[in-house]
Protein backbone atom coordinates (compact mmCIF):
# COMPACT_ATOMS: atom_id res chain seq x y z
CA ARG A 1 42.37 133.88 35.06
CA VAL A 2 39.49 135.85 33.57
CA ILE A 3 36.60 134.29 31.70
CA ALA A 4 34.34 136.59 29.74
CA GLY A 5 31.87 136.45 26.92
CA LEU A 6 29.79 133.54 28.16
CA ARG A 7 26.57 133.28 26.17
CA PRO A 8 23.32 131.85 27.58
CA PHE A 9 22.20 129.46 24.83
CA VAL A 10 18.98 127.47 24.65
CA ALA A 11 18.96 124.03 22.99
CA ASP A 12 16.60 125.12 20.19
CA GLU A 13 18.49 128.41 19.70
CA MET A 14 15.33 130.49 20.26
CA ALA A 15 15.20 132.99 23.12
CA ILE A 16 12.91 132.28 26.05
CA VAL A 17 10.66 135.26 26.72
CA GLY A 18 7.55 135.32 28.86
CA PRO A 19 5.94 134.56 32.17
CA ILE A 20 6.71 131.54 34.32
CA THR A 21 3.20 130.21 34.87
CA GLN A 22 3.87 128.88 38.37
CA TYR A 23 4.51 132.43 39.62
CA SER A 24 2.38 135.46 38.90
CA ASN A 25 5.31 137.87 39.18
CA LEU A 26 8.16 136.02 37.44
CA HIS A 27 9.04 136.68 33.80
CA VAL A 28 12.17 135.64 31.92
CA ALA A 29 14.04 137.01 28.92
CA CYS A 30 17.10 134.87 28.23
CA GLY A 31 18.83 132.46 25.91
CA GLN A 32 19.66 134.75 23.00
CA GLY A 33 23.18 133.38 22.72
CA THR A 34 25.37 135.22 20.24
CA THR A 35 22.44 137.29 18.97
CA GLY A 36 21.80 139.01 22.30
CA PHE A 37 23.05 142.40 21.18
CA LYS A 38 21.05 142.25 17.94
CA THR A 39 17.83 140.97 19.51
CA ALA A 40 17.87 142.95 22.76
CA MET A 41 15.44 145.63 21.58
CA GLY A 42 12.90 143.10 20.30
CA VAL A 43 13.13 141.01 23.45
CA ALA A 44 12.72 144.17 25.55
CA VAL A 45 9.59 145.18 23.61
CA LEU A 46 8.13 141.68 23.92
CA THR A 47 8.92 141.58 27.65
CA ALA A 48 7.21 144.96 28.12
CA LYS A 49 4.15 143.67 26.24
CA HIS A 50 4.03 140.63 28.53
CA LEU A 51 4.39 142.74 31.67
CA THR A 52 1.76 145.32 30.68
CA GLY A 53 -0.55 142.91 28.88
CA ASP A 54 -0.64 145.37 26.01
CA GLY A 55 -0.54 144.30 22.41
CA LEU A 56 0.66 140.68 22.30
CA SER A 57 -2.10 139.97 19.80
CA LYS A 58 -0.74 142.78 17.58
CA CYS A 59 2.63 141.05 17.13
CA SER A 60 3.31 139.88 13.58
CA TYR A 61 4.53 136.47 14.80
CA ASP A 62 3.39 133.77 17.21
CA THR A 63 4.75 134.90 20.58
CA GLU A 64 4.15 131.40 21.97
CA LEU A 65 7.21 130.25 20.00
CA LEU A 66 9.36 132.07 22.57
CA SER A 67 7.30 131.07 25.61
CA PRO A 68 9.08 129.22 28.42
CA LYS A 69 6.06 126.90 28.72
CA GLY A 70 7.14 123.36 27.87
CA ARG A 71 10.66 124.38 26.84
CA VAL A 72 12.41 124.09 30.20
CA THR A 73 12.32 120.49 31.36
CA TYR A 74 15.28 120.25 33.71
CA ALA A 75 17.26 123.23 34.80
CA PRO A 76 18.99 123.21 38.19
CA LEU A 77 19.45 127.00 38.18
CA TYR A 78 15.77 127.50 37.29
CA MET A 79 14.75 125.24 40.16
CA ALA A 80 17.06 127.16 42.51
CA LEU A 81 15.49 130.44 41.34
CA CYS A 82 12.00 129.04 41.95
CA SER A 83 13.11 128.00 45.43
CA VAL A 84 14.40 131.51 46.17
CA VAL A 85 11.14 133.04 44.91
CA ASP A 86 9.15 130.60 47.05
CA GLY A 87 11.18 131.58 50.11
CA PHE A 88 10.80 135.28 49.36
CA MET A 89 7.04 134.90 48.87
CA GLY A 90 6.71 132.90 52.08
CA ARG A 91 5.73 129.67 50.32
CA THR A 92 7.12 126.29 51.35
């Protein structure tokens, strides 16, 4: 049996793009659902702006609308990822 085409949706149907504030080196770009192919370039540009710190204020929309801050309340996979990052960074 093959399963393909799974789409990572977010409850509010808006992508999550930006830094995870608990970690200085962790950024996410996910949750585009069925619009992933259409929005990939925009998400890539926004991710690059976050990573370089260049030009977020020049965006023609409020980039905080896509921020992960306050939008992820319970996510077992997110918590597992944080645990892996903690282990990799030597934090306990």
